């Protein structure tokens, strides 16, 4: 999804609803080494730079000429939003 904000500028939103994280807390996904996220700053979830979701988001920003992405990870109980800046070294 493409978004425009007078304060933040032009970005994309990527929403993922992982099947493995559907029940319980999203932090439960950390037990799986193949998970798309890692824990940072005492409990915040962050998409792994080595995961294909990260590269998918970077490609969306590059192709749509956007400077940031909001990566939304959700299940029935929780929502986690991470702002990701465009990584020009990947383009």
C-alpha atoms as a PDB file:
ATOM      1  CA  UNK A   1       0.000   0.000   0.000  1.00  0.00           C
ATOM      2  CA  UNK A   2       1.321   3.461  -0.873  1.00  0.00           C
ATOM      3  CA  UNK A   3       0.957   6.310   1.629  1.00  0.00           C
ATOM      4  CA  UNK A   4       1.586  10.063   1.602  1.00  0.00           C
ATOM      5  CA  UNK A   5       2.072  12.178   4.715  1.00  0.00           C
ATOM      6  CA  UNK A   6       2.726  15.924   4.886  1.00  0.00           C
ATOM      7  CA  UNK A   7       5.162  15.282   7.741  1.00  0.00           C
ATOM      8  CA  UNK A   8       6.849  11.968   6.766  1.00  0.00           C
ATOM      9  CA  UNK A   9       6.650  12.121   2.978  1.00  0.00           C
ATOM     10  CA  UNK A  10       5.968   9.216   0.618  1.00  0.00           C
ATOM     11  CA  UNK A  11       6.132   5.658   1.906  1.00  0.00           C
ATOM     12  CA  UNK A  12       4.804   2.142   1.615  1.00  0.00           C
ATOM     13  CA  UNK A  13       3.025  -0.078   4.107  1.00  0.00           C
ATOM     14  CA  UNK A  14       3.617  -3.831   4.168  1.00  0.00           C
ATOM     15  CA  UNK A  15       1.331  -5.916   6.394  1.00  0.00           C
ATOM     16  CA  UNK A  16       2.160  -9.491   7.371  1.00  0.00           C
ATOM     17  CA  UNK A  17      -0.088 -11.780   9.406  1.00  0.00           C
ATOM     18  CA  UNK A  18       2.158 -14.794  10.024  1.00  0.00           C
ATOM     19  CA  UNK A  19       0.425 -18.118  10.548  1.00  0.00           C
ATOM     20  CA  UNK A  20       3.000 -19.171  13.153  1.00  0.00           C
ATOM     21  CA  UNK A  21       2.269 -16.060  15.195  1.00  0.00           C
ATOM     22  CA  UNK A  22      -1.515 -16.272  14.998  1.00  0.00           C
ATOM     23  CA  UNK A  23      -2.018 -17.442  18.590  1.00  0.00           C
ATOM     24  CA  UNK A  24      -0.432 -15.816  21.577  1.00  0.00           C
ATOM     25  CA  UNK A  25       2.058 -12.989  21.562  1.00  0.00           C
ATOM     26  CA  UNK A  26       4.089 -11.980  18.531  1.00  0.00           C
ATOM     27  CA  UNK A  27       7.248 -12.320  20.631  1.00  0.00           C
ATOM     28  CA  UNK A  28       6.586 -16.072  20.571  1.00  0.00           C
ATOM     29  CA  UNK A  29       7.893 -15.979  16.992  1.00  0.00           C
ATOM     30  CA  UNK A  30      11.376 -15.337  18.398  1.00  0.00           C
ATOM     31  CA  UNK A  31      11.618 -19.022  19.363  1.00  0.00           C
ATOM     32  CA  UNK A  32      11.730 -19.938  15.662  1.00  0.00           C
ATOM     33  CA  UNK A  33      15.197 -19.326  14.191  1.00  0.00           C
ATOM     34  CA  UNK A  34      13.601 -18.991  10.728  1.00  0.00           C
ATOM     35  CA  UNK A  35      11.321 -16.202  11.948  1.00  0.00           C
ATOM     36  CA  UNK A  36      11.268 -12.919  10.049  1.00  0.00           C
ATOM     37  CA  UNK A  37      11.940 -10.902  13.218  1.00  0.00           C
ATOM     38  CA  UNK A  38      14.502 -10.469  15.955  1.00  0.00           C
ATOM     39  CA  UNK A  39      14.271  -8.739  19.320  1.00  0.00           C
ATOM     40  CA  UNK A  40      15.898  -5.336  19.842  1.00  0.00           C
ATOM     41  CA  UNK A  41      15.770  -2.625  22.511  1.00  0.00           C
ATOM     42  CA  UNK A  42      14.270  -4.756  25.257  1.00  0.00           C
ATOM     43  CA  UNK A  43      11.334  -6.352  23.520  1.00  0.00           C
ATOM     44  CA  UNK A  44      10.752  -4.479  20.256  1.00  0.00           C
ATOM     45  CA  UNK A  45      10.466  -6.654  17.173  1.00  0.00           C
ATOM     46  CA  UNK A  46      12.510  -5.798  14.096  1.00  0.00           C
ATOM     47  CA  UNK A  47      12.496  -7.493  10.701  1.00  0.00           C
ATOM     48  CA  UNK A  48      15.779  -9.307  10.077  1.00  0.00           C
ATOM     49  CA  UNK A  49      17.873  -7.719   7.335  1.00  0.00           C
ATOM     50  CA  UNK A  50      18.666 -11.227   6.092  1.00  0.00           C
ATOM     51  CA  UNK A  51      14.995 -12.197   5.713  1.00  0.00           C
ATOM     52  CA  UNK A  52      13.300 -11.978   2.312  1.00  0.00           C
ATOM     53  CA  UNK A  53      10.622  -9.647   3.773  1.00  0.00           C
ATOM     54  CA  UNK A  54      13.305  -6.998   4.296  1.00  0.00           C
ATOM     55  CA  UNK A  55      14.454  -7.284   0.685  1.00  0.00           C
ATOM     56  CA  UNK A  56      10.842  -7.281  -0.537  1.00  0.00           C
ATOM     57  CA  UNK A  57      10.215  -4.026   1.348  1.00  0.00           C
ATOM     58  CA  UNK A  58      13.412  -2.453   0.015  1.00  0.00           C
ATOM     59  CA  UNK A  59      12.405  -3.422  -3.540  1.00  0.00           C
ATOM     60  CA  UNK A  60       8.955  -1.856  -3.058  1.00  0.00           C
ATOM     61  CA  UNK A  61      10.513   1.409  -1.878  1.00  0.00           C
ATOM     62  CA  UNK A  62      12.963   1.428  -4.789  1.00  0.00           C
ATOM     63  CA  UNK A  63      10.364   0.614  -7.477  1.00  0.00           C
ATOM     64  CA  UNK A  64       7.763   3.051  -6.104  1.00  0.00           C
ATOM     65  CA  UNK A  65      10.327   5.794  -5.374  1.00  0.00           C
ATOM     66  CA  UNK A  66       9.476   5.926  -1.660  1.00  0.00           C
ATOM     67  CA  UNK A  67      11.810   6.816   1.201  1.00  0.00           C
ATOM     68  CA  UNK A  68      10.391   4.666   4.000  1.00  0.00           C
ATOM     69  CA  UNK A  69       8.177   1.690   4.757  1.00  0.00           C
ATOM     70  CA  UNK A  70       6.031   0.803   7.721  1.00  0.00           C
ATOM     71  CA  UNK A  71       6.347  -2.940   8.301  1.00  0.00           C
ATOM     72  CA  UNK A  72       3.236  -4.114  10.141  1.00  0.00           C
ATOM     73  CA  UNK A  73       3.226  -7.493  11.838  1.00  0.00           C
ATOM     74  CA  UNK A  74      -0.095  -8.491  13.363  1.00  0.00           C
ATOM     75  CA  UNK A  75      -2.178 -11.289  14.778  1.00  0.00           C
ATOM     76  CA  UNK A  76      -5.572 -11.346  16.498  1.00  0.00           C
ATOM     77  CA  UNK A  77      -4.097 -10.000  19.750  1.00  0.00           C
ATOM     78  CA  UNK A  78      -1.281  -7.637  18.804  1.00  0.00           C
ATOM     79  CA  UNK A  79       0.129  -5.301  16.225  1.00  0.00           C
ATOM     80  CA  UNK A  80       3.779  -4.310  15.797  1.00  0.00           C
ATOM     81  CA  UNK A  81       4.840  -1.478  13.480  1.00  0.00           C
ATOM     82  CA  UNK A  82       8.432  -0.839  12.456  1.00  0.00           C
ATOM     83  CA  UNK A  83       9.557   2.114  10.341  1.00  0.00           C
ATOM     84  CA  UNK A  84      12.202   1.049   7.817  1.00  0.00           C
ATOM     85  CA  UNK A  85      14.254   3.586   5.872  1.00  0.00           C
ATOM     86  CA  UNK A  86      15.259   2.992   2.266  1.00  0.00           C
ATOM     87  CA  UNK A  87      18.713   1.428   2.054  1.00  0.00           C
ATOM     88  CA  UNK A  88      20.349   3.042  -0.978  1.00  0.00           C
ATOM     89  CA  UNK A  89      23.275   0.618  -0.779  1.00  0.00           C
ATOM     90  CA  UNK A  90      20.926  -2.129  -2.047  1.00  0.00           C
ATOM     91  CA  UNK A  91      19.790  -0.273  -5.185  1.00  0.00           C
END
